[in-house]
């Protein structure tokens, strides 16, 4: 049975140390509207999101359009890189992607974050077989999930993600059979990584 998961990386957000409540920027709000218009063309059955405000805001338009409440699933929240501010973000990202067992103080290793995201994904595949599901999420956890199913999705792939970005992952039961990206020129995409 074929199930389609549309992973939606959130639109551009206004920086704040409050990860949970960081909102979309003005540009992000406009890009979320474009994202909604793209998703309206699909036969979406359900919308799921990370608990983080920026992810919810990015997919709330399609949830309203299909008349369904967003189901919040903690497993799709962004990976916690460290509990402290990071002086050299690029170096930290490089290290965790080089060694999946490495974690900064108070942070999640790639392995731990990936396990959390994959468990959430497999539960969605079990619960909603044969449906088209939008998942509002974040760049790093999205790519870690994709990497579990196909290792070509790595840190270099993550570096190319835009805000927002939409990838359709097609599963036959729990086997990934195809990955496709929405038409890039239809979204106002920035390559900003937050």
C-alpha atoms as a PDB file:
ATOM      1  CA  UNK A   1       0.000   0.000   0.000  1.00  0.00           C
ATOM      2  CA  UNK A   2       1.367   3.407  -1.046  1.00  0.00           C
ATOM      3  CA  UNK A   3       1.558   6.237   1.506  1.00  0.00           C
ATOM      4  CA  UNK A   4       2.866   9.707   0.641  1.00  0.00           C
ATOM      5  CA  UNK A   5       4.501  11.863   3.286  1.00  0.00           C
ATOM      6  CA  UNK A   6       5.026  15.499   2.317  1.00  0.00           C
ATOM      7  CA  UNK A   7       7.793  16.755   4.573  1.00  0.00           C
ATOM      8  CA  UNK A   8       7.536  20.541   4.764  1.00  0.00           C
ATOM      9  CA  UNK A   9      10.564  22.302   6.143  1.00  0.00           C
ATOM     10  CA  UNK A  10       9.287  25.423   7.857  1.00  0.00           C
ATOM     11  CA  UNK A  11       9.466  28.845   6.226  1.00  0.00           C
ATOM     12  CA  UNK A  12      11.883  31.572   7.322  1.00  0.00           C
ATOM     13  CA  UNK A  13      11.532  32.477  10.989  1.00  0.00           C
ATOM     14  CA  UNK A  14      12.482  35.415  13.169  1.00  0.00           C
ATOM     15  CA  UNK A  15      15.430  34.350  15.305  1.00  0.00           C
ATOM     16  CA  UNK A  16      14.789  33.879  18.989  1.00  0.00           C
ATOM     17  CA  UNK A  17      16.471  31.636  21.567  1.00  0.00           C
ATOM     18  CA  UNK A  18      12.955  30.369  22.388  1.00  0.00           C
ATOM     19  CA  UNK A  19      12.900  27.403  20.007  1.00  0.00           C
ATOM     20  CA  UNK A  20       9.342  26.385  20.839  1.00  0.00           C
ATOM     21  CA  UNK A  21       7.721  29.766  20.203  1.00  0.00           C
ATOM     22  CA  UNK A  22       9.925  31.253  17.465  1.00  0.00           C
ATOM     23  CA  UNK A  23       7.475  32.646  14.856  1.00  0.00           C
ATOM     24  CA  UNK A  24       7.731  32.983  11.110  1.00  0.00           C
ATOM     25  CA  UNK A  25       9.132  36.246   9.779  1.00  0.00           C
ATOM     26  CA  UNK A  26       7.063  38.450   7.442  1.00  0.00           C
ATOM     27  CA  UNK A  27       8.771  36.744   4.492  1.00  0.00           C
ATOM     28  CA  UNK A  28       8.097  33.356   6.086  1.00  0.00           C
ATOM     29  CA  UNK A  29       4.392  34.140   6.406  1.00  0.00           C
ATOM     30  CA  UNK A  30       4.214  35.003   2.695  1.00  0.00           C
ATOM     31  CA  UNK A  31       6.132  31.836   1.766  1.00  0.00           C
ATOM     32  CA  UNK A  32       3.795  29.761   3.950  1.00  0.00           C
ATOM     33  CA  UNK A  33       0.888  31.063   1.840  1.00  0.00           C
ATOM     34  CA  UNK A  34       2.659  29.895  -1.330  1.00  0.00           C
ATOM     35  CA  UNK A  35       3.294  26.532   0.337  1.00  0.00           C
ATOM     36  CA  UNK A  36      -0.413  26.225   1.127  1.00  0.00           C
ATOM     37  CA  UNK A  37      -1.303  26.969  -2.513  1.00  0.00           C
ATOM     38  CA  UNK A  38       1.044  24.222  -3.726  1.00  0.00           C
ATOM     39  CA  UNK A  39      -0.351  21.716  -1.243  1.00  0.00           C
ATOM     40  CA  UNK A  40      -3.955  22.586  -2.194  1.00  0.00           C
ATOM     41  CA  UNK A  41      -3.292  20.934  -5.561  1.00  0.00           C
ATOM     42  CA  UNK A  42      -2.714  17.603  -3.805  1.00  0.00           C
ATOM     43  CA  UNK A  43      -5.216  15.283  -2.209  1.00  0.00           C
ATOM     44  CA  UNK A  44      -4.039  15.834   1.382  1.00  0.00           C
ATOM     45  CA  UNK A  45      -5.814  13.753   4.040  1.00  0.00           C
ATOM     46  CA  UNK A  46      -4.085  14.870   7.223  1.00  0.00           C
ATOM     47  CA  UNK A  47      -1.641  17.466   8.573  1.00  0.00           C
ATOM     48  CA  UNK A  48       0.916  16.676  11.266  1.00  0.00           C
ATOM     49  CA  UNK A  49       3.476  19.052  12.728  1.00  0.00           C
ATOM     50  CA  UNK A  50       6.329  19.467  15.119  1.00  0.00           C
ATOM     51  CA  UNK A  51       5.283  21.311  18.270  1.00  0.00           C
ATOM     52  CA  UNK A  52       7.388  24.329  17.253  1.00  0.00           C
ATOM     53  CA  UNK A  53       5.407  27.427  16.258  1.00  0.00           C
ATOM     54  CA  UNK A  54       7.309  28.058  13.001  1.00  0.00           C
ATOM     55  CA  UNK A  55       6.523  24.538  11.747  1.00  0.00           C
ATOM     56  CA  UNK A  56       2.857  24.828  12.744  1.00  0.00           C
ATOM     57  CA  UNK A  57       2.533  28.242  11.069  1.00  0.00           C
ATOM     58  CA  UNK A  58       3.989  26.871   7.838  1.00  0.00           C
ATOM     59  CA  UNK A  59       1.365  24.106   7.505  1.00  0.00           C
ATOM     60  CA  UNK A  60      -1.676  25.615   9.228  1.00  0.00           C
ATOM     61  CA  UNK A  61      -3.004  26.973   5.927  1.00  0.00           C
ATOM     62  CA  UNK A  62      -3.349  23.522   4.372  1.00  0.00           C
ATOM     63  CA  UNK A  63      -4.927  22.180   7.579  1.00  0.00           C
ATOM     64  CA  UNK A  64      -7.536  24.951   7.435  1.00  0.00           C
ATOM     65  CA  UNK A  65      -8.104  24.259   3.724  1.00  0.00           C
ATOM     66  CA  UNK A  66      -8.862  20.561   4.288  1.00  0.00           C
ATOM     67  CA  UNK A  67     -10.815  21.333   7.467  1.00  0.00           C
ATOM     68  CA  UNK A  68      -8.702  19.234   9.821  1.00  0.00           C
ATOM     69  CA  UNK A  69      -6.901  19.985  13.068  1.00  0.00           C
ATOM     70  CA  UNK A  70      -3.109  19.702  12.991  1.00  0.00           C
ATOM     71  CA  UNK A  71      -1.890  16.668  14.913  1.00  0.00           C
ATOM     72  CA  UNK A  72       1.206  17.602  16.920  1.00  0.00           C
ATOM     73  CA  UNK A  73       3.929  14.970  17.188  1.00  0.00           C
ATOM     74  CA  UNK A  74       7.014  15.721  19.259  1.00  0.00           C
ATOM     75  CA  UNK A  75       9.163  13.320  17.249  1.00  0.00           C
ATOM     76  CA  UNK A  76       9.228  15.788  14.339  1.00  0.00           C
ATOM     77  CA  UNK A  77      10.722  18.665  16.374  1.00  0.00           C
ATOM     78  CA  UNK A  78      14.157  19.926  15.392  1.00  0.00           C
ATOM     79  CA  UNK A  79      17.158  18.136  16.780  1.00  0.00           C
ATOM     80  CA  UNK A  80      18.677  19.757  19.857  1.00  0.00           C
ATOM     81  CA  UNK A  81      22.264  20.507  18.923  1.00  0.00           C
ATOM     82  CA  UNK A  82      23.312  21.784  22.371  1.00  0.00           C
ATOM     83  CA  UNK A  83      21.746  23.188  25.512  1.00  0.00           C
ATOM     84  CA  UNK A  84      24.196  26.120  25.277  1.00  0.00           C
ATOM     85  CA  UNK A  85      24.784  28.739  22.555  1.00  0.00           C
ATOM     86  CA  UNK A  86      27.200  27.445  19.905  1.00  0.00           C
ATOM     87  CA  UNK A  87      30.141  29.624  18.900  1.00  0.00           C
ATOM     88  CA  UNK A  88      30.837  27.873  15.584  1.00  0.00           C
ATOM     89  CA  UNK A  89      27.586  26.422  14.205  1.00  0.00           C
ATOM     90  CA  UNK A  90      29.148  25.100  10.978  1.00  0.00           C
ATOM     91  CA  UNK A  91      31.866  23.247  12.885  1.00  0.00           C
ATOM     92  CA  UNK A  92      29.306  21.742  15.266  1.00  0.00           C
ATOM     93  CA  UNK A  93      27.077  20.549  12.398  1.00  0.00           C
ATOM     94  CA  UNK A  94      30.081  19.074  10.588  1.00  0.00           C
ATOM     95  CA  UNK A  95      31.116  17.159  13.715  1.00  0.00           C
ATOM     96  CA  UNK A  96      27.696  15.633  14.433  1.00  0.00           C
ATOM     97  CA  UNK A  97      27.259  14.590  10.809  1.00  0.00           C
ATOM     98  CA  UNK A  98      30.747  13.063  10.700  1.00  0.00           C
ATOM     99  CA  UNK A  99      30.206  11.051  13.881  1.00  0.00           C
ATOM    100  CA  UNK A 100      26.577   9.996  14.384  1.00  0.00           C
ATOM    101  CA  UNK A 101      27.291   9.082  18.031  1.00  0.00           C
ATOM    102  CA  UNK A 102      28.824  12.469  18.936  1.00  0.00           C
ATOM    103  CA  UNK A 103      26.783  15.053  20.805  1.00  0.00           C
ATOM    104  CA  UNK A 104      27.521  18.451  22.248  1.00  0.00           C
ATOM    105  CA  UNK A 105      26.736  19.080  25.913  1.00  0.00           C
ATOM    106  CA  UNK A 106      23.019  18.612  26.488  1.00  0.00           C
ATOM    107  CA  UNK A 107      22.413  18.001  22.783  1.00  0.00           C
ATOM    108  CA  UNK A 108      21.244  15.060  20.727  1.00  0.00           C
ATOM    109  CA  UNK A 109      23.599  13.019  18.605  1.00  0.00           C
ATOM    110  CA  UNK A 110      22.537  12.360  15.023  1.00  0.00           C
ATOM    111  CA  UNK A 111      21.796   8.794  16.049  1.00  0.00           C
ATOM    112  CA  UNK A 112      19.476   9.795  18.927  1.00  0.00           C
ATOM    113  CA  UNK A 113      17.673  12.500  16.921  1.00  0.00           C
ATOM    114  CA  UNK A 114      17.347  10.193  13.909  1.00  0.00           C
ATOM    115  CA  UNK A 115      15.910   7.402  16.076  1.00  0.00           C
ATOM    116  CA  UNK A 116      13.268   9.784  17.452  1.00  0.00           C
ATOM    117  CA  UNK A 117      12.314  11.081  13.989  1.00  0.00           C
ATOM    118  CA  UNK A 118      12.226   7.645  12.370  1.00  0.00           C
ATOM    119  CA  UNK A 119      10.072   6.213  15.165  1.00  0.00           C
ATOM    120  CA  UNK A 120       7.584   9.046  14.605  1.00  0.00           C
ATOM    121  CA  UNK A 121       7.663   8.432  10.841  1.00  0.00           C
ATOM    122  CA  UNK A 122       7.087   4.686  11.188  1.00  0.00           C
ATOM    123  CA  UNK A 123       4.176   5.306  13.561  1.00  0.00           C
ATOM    124  CA  UNK A 124       2.618   7.668  10.995  1.00  0.00           C
ATOM    125  CA  UNK A 125       3.071   5.025   8.284  1.00  0.00           C
ATOM    126  CA  UNK A 126       1.367   2.440  10.539  1.00  0.00           C
ATOM    127  CA  UNK A 127      -1.546   4.682  11.488  1.00  0.00           C
ATOM    128  CA  UNK A 128      -2.305   6.306   8.147  1.00  0.00           C
ATOM    129  CA  UNK A 129      -1.652   3.679   5.479  1.00  0.00           C
ATOM    130  CA  UNK A 130      -2.566   4.729   1.955  1.00  0.00           C
ATOM    131  CA  UNK A 131      -2.998   8.418   2.761  1.00  0.00           C
ATOM    132  CA  UNK A 132      -1.337  11.680   1.730  1.00  0.00           C
ATOM    133  CA  UNK A 133       0.051  13.371   4.811  1.00  0.00           C
ATOM    134  CA  UNK A 134       1.713  16.757   5.269  1.00  0.00           C
ATOM    135  CA  UNK A 135       4.348  16.865   8.018  1.00  0.00           C
ATOM    136  CA  UNK A 136       5.515  20.284   9.205  1.00  0.00           C
ATOM    137  CA  UNK A 137       9.063  19.870  10.402  1.00  0.00           C
ATOM    138  CA  UNK A 138      12.644  21.183  10.387  1.00  0.00           C
ATOM    139  CA  UNK A 139      15.667  20.787   8.161  1.00  0.00           C
ATOM    140  CA  UNK A 140      18.042  18.745  10.279  1.00  0.00           C
ATOM    141  CA  UNK A 141      15.511  16.235  11.608  1.00  0.00           C
ATOM    142  CA  UNK A 142      13.927  15.895   8.166  1.00  0.00           C
ATOM    143  CA  UNK A 143      17.239  15.004   6.550  1.00  0.00           C
ATOM    144  CA  UNK A 144      18.142  12.636   9.395  1.00  0.00           C
ATOM    145  CA  UNK A 145      14.855  10.806   8.754  1.00  0.00           C
ATOM    146  CA  UNK A 146      15.509  10.711   5.014  1.00  0.00           C
ATOM    147  CA  UNK A 147      19.086   9.531   5.671  1.00  0.00           C
ATOM    148  CA  UNK A 148      17.789   6.528   7.602  1.00  0.00           C
ATOM    149  CA  UNK A 149      15.933   5.323   4.507  1.00  0.00           C
ATOM    150  CA  UNK A 150      18.557   6.416   1.954  1.00  0.00           C
ATOM    151  CA  UNK A 151      22.068   7.534   2.940  1.00  0.00           C
ATOM    152  CA  UNK A 152      22.453   9.846  -0.046  1.00  0.00           C
ATOM    153  CA  UNK A 153      20.525  12.377   2.072  1.00  0.00           C
ATOM    154  CA  UNK A 154      23.344  13.782   4.165  1.00  0.00           C
ATOM    155  CA  UNK A 155      24.745  17.053   5.489  1.00  0.00           C
ATOM    156  CA  UNK A 156      25.437  18.284   1.939  1.00  0.00           C
ATOM    157  CA  UNK A 157      21.805  17.666   1.026  1.00  0.00           C
ATOM    158  CA  UNK A 158      20.730  19.504   4.198  1.00  0.00           C
ATOM    159  CA  UNK A 159      22.884  22.492   3.223  1.00  0.00           C
ATOM    160  CA  UNK A 160      20.868  22.797  -0.012  1.00  0.00           C
ATOM    161  CA  UNK A 161      17.446  22.831   1.641  1.00  0.00           C
ATOM    162  CA  UNK A 162      15.486  26.037   1.341  1.00  0.00           C
ATOM    163  CA  UNK A 163      12.976  27.669   3.667  1.00  0.00           C
ATOM    164  CA  UNK A 164      10.335  26.512   3.049  1.00  0.00           C
ATOM    165  CA  UNK A 165      10.972  23.307   1.159  1.00  0.00           C
ATOM    166  CA  UNK A 166       8.707  20.377   0.381  1.00  0.00           C
ATOM    167  CA  UNK A 167       9.811  16.809  -0.279  1.00  0.00           C
ATOM    168  CA  UNK A 168       7.373  14.024  -1.087  1.00  0.00           C
ATOM    169  CA  UNK A 169       8.486  10.663   0.273  1.00  0.00           C
ATOM    170  CA  UNK A 170       6.531   7.787  -1.236  1.00  0.00           C
ATOM    171  CA  UNK A 171       6.448   4.575   0.791  1.00  0.00           C
ATOM    172  CA  UNK A 172       5.270   1.100  -0.101  1.00  0.00           C
ATOM    173  CA  UNK A 173       4.334  -0.052   3.387  1.00  0.00           C
ATOM    174  CA  UNK A 174       7.518   1.008   5.247  1.00  0.00           C
ATOM    175  CA  UNK A 175       9.922   0.937   2.301  1.00  0.00           C
ATOM    176  CA  UNK A 176      10.894   4.247   0.715  1.00  0.00           C
ATOM    177  CA  UNK A 177      10.337   3.909  -3.034  1.00  0.00           C
ATOM    178  CA  UNK A 178      10.612   7.484  -4.313  1.00  0.00           C
ATOM    179  CA  UNK A 179      11.591  11.009  -3.262  1.00  0.00           C
ATOM    180  CA  UNK A 180      10.582  14.095  -5.219  1.00  0.00           C
ATOM    181  CA  UNK A 181      10.752  17.821  -4.576  1.00  0.00           C
ATOM    182  CA  UNK A 182       8.031  20.359  -5.318  1.00  0.00           C
ATOM    183  CA  UNK A 183       8.698  22.804  -8.117  1.00  0.00           C
ATOM    184  CA  UNK A 184      11.316  25.110  -6.670  1.00  0.00           C
ATOM    185  CA  UNK A 185      10.336  28.071  -8.837  1.00  0.00           C
ATOM    186  CA  UNK A 186       6.838  28.041  -7.343  1.00  0.00           C
ATOM    187  CA  UNK A 187       8.115  28.848  -3.857  1.00  0.00           C
ATOM    188  CA  UNK A 188       9.916  32.017  -2.873  1.00  0.00           C
ATOM    189  CA  UNK A 189      12.887  30.103  -1.562  1.00  0.00           C
ATOM    190  CA  UNK A 190      15.859  31.364   0.381  1.00  0.00           C
ATOM    191  CA  UNK A 191      18.790  29.130   1.204  1.00  0.00           C
ATOM    192  CA  UNK A 192      19.007  30.488   4.718  1.00  0.00           C
ATOM    193  CA  UNK A 193      19.656  27.768   7.277  1.00  0.00           C
ATOM    194  CA  UNK A 194      18.316  28.361  10.795  1.00  0.00           C
END
